[in-house]
Amino acid sequence: MSEKIIDVVREIAKENGWAFNEINDLIKIDVEGKNGTWSSFCKCLEEEKKFIYYSVLSIKVPKDKILRTVEFITRLNYGLKIGNFEIDMDTGEFHFKTAVQLIDNTNSHDIIGNNIIINILTMDEFLPLIMKIIYSDTPIKDILE
């Protein structure tokens, strides 16, 4: 892989018309999906050749809903093929994470671009269920049906 990961991400963001901000090895992209808006962060680990993408919920999960949310994401993650939902049990930060290990002589542009799109589409798909978990007392199994 001759290109820097961060350069590939900049190129993808520009191609898609996404405004972005850079902070060290992070690129922040604000996302507007069909079901809501949130911030996303690309972490580019150049030396390790790793790309990690986070879609971060715009609100913190309230303390009294954290254990409920943990059960929800455990059940949800079990069926996911790519990526996983995570929650910081101390702060209530909730995000969806995808990652890829890049190797030399691969099309990193397509791999990173697909990783970003999968992440955004997954977060957008499950955002209404996440809001139900946080803002209702509907049983988790009912929400997941």
N, C-alpha and C. Protein backbone atom coordinates (compact mmCIF):
# COMPACT_ATOMS: atom_id res chain seq x y z
N MET A 1 0.85 -1.18 0.00
CA MET A 1 0.00 0.00 0.00
C MET A 1 0.89 1.23 0.00
N SER A 2 0.89 1.96 -1.09
CA SER A 2 1.78 3.11 -1.20
C SER A 2 1.13 4.40 -0.70
N GLU A 3 -0.17 4.54 -0.85
CA GLU A 3 -0.86 5.74 -0.39
C GLU A 3 -1.06 5.70 1.11
N LYS A 4 -1.04 6.88 1.73
CA LYS A 4 -1.37 6.95 3.14
C LYS A 4 -2.89 6.77 3.29
N ILE A 5 -3.29 6.10 4.34
CA ILE A 5 -4.71 5.84 4.58
C ILE A 5 -5.48 7.15 4.69
N ILE A 6 -4.93 8.11 5.40
CA ILE A 6 -5.63 9.38 5.59
C ILE A 6 -5.85 10.10 4.26
N ASP A 7 -4.93 9.94 3.32
CA ASP A 7 -5.11 10.54 1.99
C ASP A 7 -6.25 9.88 1.24
N VAL A 8 -6.36 8.57 1.38
CA VAL A 8 -7.46 7.83 0.73
C VAL A 8 -8.80 8.28 1.31
N VAL A 9 -8.86 8.46 2.63
CA VAL A 9 -10.10 8.90 3.27
C VAL A 9 -10.47 10.30 2.81
N ARG A 10 -9.50 11.19 2.73
CA ARG A 10 -9.78 12.55 2.22
C ARG A 10 -10.37 12.48 0.81
N GLU A 11 -9.78 11.65 -0.03
CA GLU A 11 -10.23 11.50 -1.41
C GLU A 11 -11.67 10.98 -1.46
N ILE A 12 -11.97 9.98 -0.66
CA ILE A 12 -13.33 9.42 -0.62
C ILE A 12 -14.33 10.47 -0.13
N ALA A 13 -13.96 11.21 0.91
CA ALA A 13 -14.85 12.25 1.43
C ALA A 13 -15.12 13.31 0.37
N LYS A 14 -14.10 13.72 -0.34
CA LYS A 14 -14.27 14.73 -1.40
C LYS A 14 -15.14 14.19 -2.53
N GLU A 15 -14.92 12.94 -2.93
CA GLU A 15 -15.72 12.33 -4.01
C GLU A 15 -17.20 12.28 -3.65
N ASN A 16 -17.49 12.09 -2.37
CA ASN A 16 -18.88 11.98 -1.92
C ASN A 16 -19.48 13.30 -1.45
N GLY A 17 -18.70 14.36 -1.51
CA GLY A 17 -19.19 15.67 -1.10
C GLY A 17 -19.39 15.79 0.40
N TRP A 18 -18.64 15.02 1.18
CA TRP A 18 -18.75 15.06 2.63
C TRP A 18 -17.78 16.09 3.20
N ALA A 19 -18.31 17.00 4.00
CA ALA A 19 -17.44 17.93 4.71
C ALA A 19 -16.75 17.16 5.83
N PHE A 20 -15.49 17.47 6.06
CA PHE A 20 -14.76 16.76 7.11
C PHE A 20 -13.78 17.68 7.81
N ASN A 21 -13.45 17.31 9.03
CA ASN A 21 -12.44 18.01 9.83
C ASN A 21 -11.38 17.00 10.23
N GLU A 22 -10.16 17.48 10.34
CA GLU A 22 -9.05 16.60 10.74
C GLU A 22 -8.49 17.01 12.09
N ILE A 23 -8.24 16.00 12.91
CA ILE A 23 -7.60 16.19 14.21
C ILE A 23 -6.59 15.05 14.35
N ASN A 24 -5.30 15.37 14.19
CA ASN A 24 -4.23 14.37 14.23
C ASN A 24 -4.52 13.24 13.25
N ASP A 25 -4.65 12.00 13.75
CA ASP A 25 -4.90 10.87 12.85
C ASP A 25 -6.39 10.56 12.72
N LEU A 26 -7.25 11.50 13.12
CA LEU A 26 -8.71 11.32 13.02
C LEU A 26 -9.29 12.23 11.95
N ILE A 27 -10.30 11.72 11.26
CA ILE A 27 -11.10 12.55 10.37
C ILE A 27 -12.54 12.44 10.85
N LYS A 28 -13.17 13.59 11.08
CA LYS A 28 -14.56 13.63 11.54
C LYS A 28 -15.45 13.99 10.36
N ILE A 29 -16.49 13.19 10.15
CA ILE A 29 -17.47 13.43 9.10
C ILE A 29 -18.86 13.43 9.76
N ASP A 30 -19.63 14.49 9.55
CA ASP A 30 -21.01 14.50 10.05
C ASP A 30 -21.89 13.81 9.02
N VAL A 31 -22.73 12.91 9.51
CA VAL A 31 -23.55 12.06 8.64
C VAL A 31 -25.02 12.43 8.80
N GLU A 32 -25.71 12.50 7.67
CA GLU A 32 -27.16 12.68 7.67
C GLU A 32 -27.76 11.47 6.97
N GLY A 33 -28.32 10.56 7.76
CA GLY A 33 -28.94 9.36 7.20
C GLY A 33 -30.43 9.56 7.01
N LYS A 34 -31.10 8.51 6.58
CA LYS A 34 -32.56 8.58 6.42
C LYS A 34 -33.26 8.66 7.78
N ASN A 35 -32.63 8.09 8.81
CA ASN A 35 -33.27 7.99 10.12
C ASN A 35 -32.69 8.92 11.18
N GLY A 36 -31.75 9.78 10.80
CA GLY A 36 -31.18 10.69 11.77
C GLY A 36 -29.81 11.19 11.38
N THR A 37 -29.21 11.95 12.28
CA THR A 37 -27.88 12.49 12.04
C THR A 37 -26.96 12.08 13.19
N TRP A 38 -25.68 11.98 12.89
CA TRP A 38 -24.68 11.64 13.89
C TRP A 38 -23.30 12.00 13.35
N SER A 39 -22.32 11.95 14.22
CA SER A 39 -20.93 12.19 13.81
C SER A 39 -20.24 10.86 13.60
N SER A 40 -19.29 10.87 12.69
CA SER A 40 -18.49 9.67 12.49
C SER A 40 -17.02 10.07 12.51
N PHE A 41 -16.19 9.12 12.89
CA PHE A 41 -14.76 9.37 13.01
C PHE A 41 -13.98 8.25 12.34
N CYS A 42 -13.00 8.63 11.54
CA CYS A 42 -12.10 7.68 10.91
C CYS A 42 -10.79 7.74 11.67
N LYS A 43 -10.34 6.60 12.12
CA LYS A 43 -9.03 6.53 12.76
C LYS A 43 -8.10 5.83 11.79
N CYS A 44 -7.04 6.51 11.42
CA CYS A 44 -6.09 5.99 10.43
C CYS A 44 -4.79 5.64 11.13
N LEU A 45 -4.53 4.36 11.29
CA LEU A 45 -3.31 3.89 11.94
C LEU A 45 -2.33 3.49 10.85
N GLU A 46 -1.57 4.45 10.39
CA GLU A 46 -0.71 4.28 9.21
C GLU A 46 0.33 3.17 9.40
N GLU A 47 1.04 3.19 10.52
CA GLU A 47 2.11 2.20 10.72
C GLU A 47 1.56 0.78 10.80
N GLU A 48 0.39 0.63 11.39
CA GLU A 48 -0.22 -0.69 11.52
C GLU A 48 -1.05 -1.08 10.30
N LYS A 49 -1.25 -0.12 9.39
CA LYS A 49 -2.07 -0.31 8.20
C LYS A 49 -3.50 -0.71 8.56
N LYS A 50 -4.05 -0.03 9.56
CA LYS A 50 -5.41 -0.30 10.02
C LYS A 50 -6.27 0.94 9.83
N PHE A 51 -7.51 0.69 9.44
CA PHE A 51 -8.50 1.75 9.28
C PHE A 51 -9.70 1.38 10.15
N ILE A 52 -10.09 2.30 11.04
CA ILE A 52 -11.22 2.05 11.94
C ILE A 52 -12.21 3.20 11.76
N TYR A 53 -13.49 2.84 11.63
CA TYR A 53 -14.53 3.85 11.40
C TYR A 53 -15.59 3.71 12.48
N TYR A 54 -15.92 4.82 13.13
CA TYR A 54 -16.91 4.86 14.19
C TYR A 54 -18.06 5.79 13.80
N SER A 55 -19.29 5.30 13.94
CA SER A 55 -20.47 6.15 13.89
C SER A 55 -20.92 6.32 15.33
N VAL A 56 -20.92 7.57 15.80
CA VAL A 56 -21.17 7.85 17.21
C VAL A 56 -22.54 8.49 17.38
N LEU A 57 -23.36 7.87 18.22
CA LEU A 57 -24.69 8.40 18.52
C LEU A 57 -24.54 9.81 19.08
N SER A 58 -25.42 10.71 18.65
CA SER A 58 -25.30 12.12 19.02
C SER A 58 -25.70 12.40 20.47
N ILE A 59 -26.28 11.42 21.13
CA ILE A 59 -26.65 11.57 22.54
C ILE A 59 -25.95 10.48 23.35
N LYS A 60 -25.84 10.70 24.63
CA LYS A 60 -25.33 9.67 25.54
C LYS A 60 -26.51 8.85 26.04
N VAL A 61 -26.29 7.57 26.20
CA VAL A 61 -27.33 6.71 26.78
C VAL A 61 -27.42 7.05 28.27
N PRO A 62 -28.65 7.36 28.75
CA PRO A 62 -28.80 7.68 30.18
C PRO A 62 -28.37 6.49 31.05
N LYS A 63 -27.82 6.80 32.21
CA LYS A 63 -27.32 5.76 33.13
C LYS A 63 -28.37 4.69 33.40
N ASP A 64 -29.64 5.09 33.57
CA ASP A 64 -30.68 4.10 33.89
C ASP A 64 -31.06 3.23 32.69
N LYS A 65 -30.51 3.50 31.50
CA LYS A 65 -30.81 2.69 30.30
C LYS A 65 -29.57 1.92 29.81
N ILE A 66 -28.45 2.07 30.50
CA ILE A 66 -27.22 1.44 30.02
C ILE A 66 -27.31 -0.08 30.02
N LEU A 67 -27.75 -0.70 31.10
CA LEU A 67 -27.82 -2.17 31.13
C LEU A 67 -28.81 -2.70 30.10
N ARG A 68 -29.90 -2.03 29.91
CA ARG A 68 -30.87 -2.40 28.88
C ARG A 68 -30.21 -2.32 27.49
N THR A 69 -29.45 -1.26 27.28
CA THR A 69 -28.77 -1.07 26.00
C THR A 69 -27.69 -2.13 25.79
N VAL A 70 -26.99 -2.51 26.85
CA VAL A 70 -25.98 -3.57 26.75
C VAL A 70 -26.63 -4.88 26.29
N GLU A 71 -27.76 -5.23 26.88
CA GLU A 71 -28.45 -6.45 26.44
C GLU A 71 -28.88 -6.33 24.98
N PHE A 72 -29.40 -5.18 24.62
CA PHE A 72 -29.84 -4.95 23.25
C PHE A 72 -28.70 -5.13 22.25
N ILE A 73 -27.56 -4.49 22.51
CA ILE A 73 -26.47 -4.58 21.53
C ILE A 73 -25.83 -5.97 21.53
N THR A 74 -25.88 -6.66 22.65
CA THR A 74 -25.37 -8.04 22.67
C THR A 74 -26.22 -8.90 21.75
N ARG A 75 -27.52 -8.75 21.84
CA ARG A 75 -28.42 -9.51 20.95
C ARG A 75 -28.27 -9.08 19.49
N LEU A 76 -28.12 -7.79 19.27
CA LEU A 76 -27.98 -7.26 17.92
C LEU A 76 -26.66 -7.68 17.29
N ASN A 77 -25.57 -7.58 18.02
CA ASN A 77 -24.25 -7.94 17.50
C ASN A 77 -24.16 -9.40 17.09
N TYR A 78 -24.91 -10.26 17.76
CA TYR A 78 -24.84 -11.70 17.47
C TYR A 78 -25.14 -12.00 16.00
N GLY A 79 -26.01 -11.24 15.39
CA GLY A 79 -26.39 -11.51 14.01
C GLY A 79 -25.66 -10.68 12.97
N LEU A 80 -24.83 -9.75 13.40
CA LEU A 80 -24.14 -8.88 12.44
C LEU A 80 -22.98 -9.62 11.76
N LYS A 81 -22.84 -9.41 10.48
CA LYS A 81 -21.75 -10.02 9.72
C LYS A 81 -20.49 -9.14 9.75
N ILE A 82 -20.69 -7.83 9.76
CA ILE A 82 -19.57 -6.89 9.73
C ILE A 82 -19.81 -5.81 10.78
N GLY A 83 -18.81 -5.55 11.60
CA GLY A 83 -18.88 -4.49 12.59
C GLY A 83 -19.57 -4.91 13.87
N ASN A 84 -19.57 -3.97 14.82
CA ASN A 84 -20.24 -4.23 16.09
C ASN A 84 -20.62 -2.92 16.77
N PHE A 85 -21.70 -2.99 17.54
CA PHE A 85 -22.12 -1.87 18.36
C PHE A 85 -21.40 -1.97 19.70
N GLU A 86 -21.04 -0.81 20.26
CA GLU A 86 -20.34 -0.75 21.53
C GLU A 86 -20.90 0.39 22.37
N ILE A 87 -20.79 0.22 23.69
CA ILE A 87 -21.20 1.29 24.61
C ILE A 87 -20.16 1.40 25.72
N ASP A 88 -19.84 2.63 26.08
CA ASP A 88 -18.99 2.87 27.24
C ASP A 88 -19.94 2.91 28.44
N MET A 89 -19.82 1.94 29.31
CA MET A 89 -20.76 1.81 30.42
C MET A 89 -20.60 2.92 31.46
N ASP A 90 -19.49 3.64 31.43
CA ASP A 90 -19.29 4.74 32.37
C ASP A 90 -19.85 6.05 31.85
N THR A 91 -19.68 6.30 30.55
CA THR A 91 -20.10 7.60 29.99
C THR A 91 -21.40 7.54 29.21
N GLY A 92 -21.82 6.35 28.76
CA GLY A 92 -23.01 6.22 27.94
C GLY A 92 -22.76 6.47 26.46
N GLU A 93 -21.48 6.69 26.06
CA GLU A 93 -21.20 6.87 24.64
C GLU A 93 -21.51 5.57 23.89
N PHE A 94 -22.20 5.71 22.79
CA PHE A 94 -22.69 4.57 22.00
C PHE A 94 -22.21 4.75 20.57
N HIS A 95 -21.62 3.70 20.01
CA HIS A 95 -21.18 3.81 18.62
C HIS A 95 -21.21 2.45 17.90
N PHE A 96 -21.12 2.55 16.59
CA PHE A 96 -20.96 1.37 15.74
C PHE A 96 -19.57 1.44 15.14
N LYS A 97 -18.84 0.33 15.19
CA LYS A 97 -17.45 0.32 14.74
C LYS A 97 -17.25 -0.72 13.65
N THR A 98 -16.54 -0.31 12.60
CA THR A 98 -16.04 -1.25 11.59
C THR A 98 -14.55 -0.99 11.46
N ALA A 99 -13.81 -2.01 11.08
CA ALA A 99 -12.37 -1.86 10.94
C ALA A 99 -11.87 -2.79 9.85
N VAL A 100 -10.72 -2.42 9.30
CA VAL A 100 -10.12 -3.25 8.27
C VAL A 100 -8.60 -3.18 8.40
N GLN A 101 -7.99 -4.34 8.19
CA GLN A 101 -6.53 -4.43 8.12
C GLN A 101 -6.16 -4.38 6.64
N LEU A 102 -5.40 -3.38 6.26
CA LEU A 102 -5.00 -3.22 4.87
C LEU A 102 -3.67 -3.92 4.62
N ILE A 103 -3.49 -4.42 3.41
CA ILE A 103 -2.24 -5.05 3.04
C ILE A 103 -1.72 -4.42 1.76
N ASP A 104 -0.44 -4.63 1.50
CA ASP A 104 0.15 -4.09 0.27
C ASP A 104 -0.54 -4.67 -0.95
N ASN A 105 -0.51 -3.89 -2.02
CA ASN A 105 -1.03 -4.33 -3.32
C ASN A 105 -2.53 -4.61 -3.30
N THR A 106 -3.28 -3.89 -2.49
CA THR A 106 -4.74 -4.02 -2.51
C THR A 106 -5.32 -2.66 -2.90
N ASN A 107 -6.56 -2.69 -3.33
CA ASN A 107 -7.24 -1.45 -3.68
C ASN A 107 -7.81 -0.84 -2.40
N SER A 108 -6.97 -0.10 -1.69
CA SER A 108 -7.38 0.45 -0.40
C SER A 108 -8.53 1.44 -0.55
N HIS A 109 -8.62 2.12 -1.69
CA HIS A 109 -9.71 3.07 -1.91
C HIS A 109 -11.06 2.36 -1.82
N ASP A 110 -11.23 1.27 -2.54
CA ASP A 110 -12.50 0.53 -2.52
C ASP A 110 -12.76 -0.12 -1.17
N ILE A 111 -11.72 -0.67 -0.56
CA ILE A 111 -11.89 -1.33 0.74
C ILE A 111 -12.33 -0.33 1.80
N ILE A 112 -11.64 0.81 1.86
CA ILE A 112 -11.99 1.83 2.85
C ILE A 112 -13.36 2.44 2.53
N GLY A 113 -13.62 2.73 1.27
CA GLY A 113 -14.92 3.28 0.87
C GLY A 113 -16.07 2.36 1.24
N ASN A 114 -15.91 1.07 0.97
CA ASN A 114 -16.96 0.09 1.33
C ASN A 114 -17.13 0.01 2.84
N ASN A 115 -16.03 0.09 3.58
CA ASN A 115 -16.09 0.04 5.03
C ASN A 115 -16.91 1.21 5.57
N ILE A 116 -16.67 2.39 5.04
CA ILE A 116 -17.41 3.58 5.47
C ILE A 116 -18.90 3.43 5.16
N ILE A 117 -19.21 3.02 3.95
CA ILE A 117 -20.62 2.90 3.53
C ILE A 117 -21.35 1.85 4.37
N ILE A 118 -20.72 0.70 4.59
CA ILE A 118 -21.34 -0.34 5.42
C ILE A 118 -21.63 0.20 6.82
N ASN A 119 -20.68 0.94 7.37
CA ASN A 119 -20.85 1.49 8.70
C ASN A 119 -22.03 2.45 8.75
N ILE A 120 -22.05 3.39 7.82
CA ILE A 120 -23.12 4.39 7.80
C ILE A 120 -24.49 3.74 7.60
N LEU A 121 -24.58 2.81 6.67
CA LEU A 121 -25.87 2.15 6.39
C LEU A 121 -26.34 1.32 7.59
N THR A 122 -25.41 0.68 8.28
CA THR A 122 -25.79 -0.13 9.44
C THR A 122 -26.29 0.75 10.57
N MET A 123 -25.57 1.83 10.85
CA MET A 123 -26.02 2.75 11.90
C MET A 123 -27.39 3.32 11.55
N ASP A 124 -27.57 3.71 10.31
CA ASP A 124 -28.84 4.29 9.90
C ASP A 124 -29.98 3.27 10.00
N GLU A 125 -29.71 2.05 9.62
CA GLU A 125 -30.74 1.00 9.69
C GLU A 125 -31.23 0.76 11.12
N PHE A 126 -30.31 0.73 12.05
CA PHE A 126 -30.67 0.38 13.43
C PHE A 126 -30.94 1.58 14.32
N LEU A 127 -30.76 2.79 13.83
CA LEU A 127 -30.99 3.98 14.64
C LEU A 127 -32.40 4.05 15.24
N PRO A 128 -33.46 3.74 14.49
CA PRO A 128 -34.79 3.77 15.11
C PRO A 128 -34.93 2.78 16.28
N LEU A 129 -34.31 1.61 16.17
CA LEU A 129 -34.37 0.63 17.26
C LEU A 129 -33.57 1.12 18.47
N ILE A 130 -32.45 1.74 18.21
CA ILE A 130 -31.63 2.29 19.30
C ILE A 130 -32.42 3.35 20.06
N MET A 131 -33.13 4.20 19.34
CA MET A 131 -33.93 5.24 19.99
C MET A 131 -35.05 4.61 20.83
N LYS A 132 -35.65 3.53 20.33
CA LYS A 132 -36.70 2.85 21.10
C LYS A 132 -36.14 2.27 22.40
N ILE A 133 -34.93 1.74 22.33
CA ILE A 133 -34.31 1.18 23.53
C ILE A 133 -34.09 2.28 24.56
N ILE A 134 -33.64 3.43 24.10
CA ILE A 134 -33.33 4.52 25.01
C ILE A 134 -34.57 5.23 25.53
N TYR A 135 -35.57 5.44 24.66
CA TYR A 135 -36.70 6.30 25.02
C TYR A 135 -38.00 5.58 25.32
N SER A 136 -37.98 4.24 25.31
CA SER A 136 -39.21 3.52 25.66
C SER A 136 -38.87 2.40 26.63
N ASP A 137 -39.90 1.76 27.12
CA ASP A 137 -39.72 0.60 27.97
C ASP A 137 -40.23 -0.66 27.27
N THR A 138 -40.38 -0.58 25.96
CA THR A 138 -40.80 -1.74 25.17
C THR A 138 -39.79 -2.87 25.39
N PRO A 139 -40.27 -4.10 25.60
CA PRO A 139 -39.33 -5.21 25.79
C PRO A 139 -38.37 -5.35 24.62
N ILE A 140 -37.12 -5.65 24.94
CA ILE A 140 -36.06 -5.74 23.93
C ILE A 140 -36.41 -6.74 22.83
N LYS A 141 -36.91 -7.89 23.21
CA LYS A 141 -37.25 -8.91 22.20
C LYS A 141 -38.32 -8.40 21.23
N ASP A 142 -39.25 -7.59 21.73
CA ASP A 142 -40.29 -7.00 20.87
C ASP A 142 -39.67 -6.00 19.89
N ILE A 143 -38.72 -5.24 20.36
CA ILE A 143 -38.07 -4.25 19.49
C ILE A 143 -37.29 -4.95 18.38
N LEU A 144 -36.67 -6.07 18.69
CA LEU A 144 -35.83 -6.78 17.73
C LEU A 144 -36.61 -7.65 16.74
N GLU A 145 -37.90 -7.82 16.97
CA GLU A 145 -38.70 -8.67 16.06
C GLU A 145 -39.02 -7.95 14.78
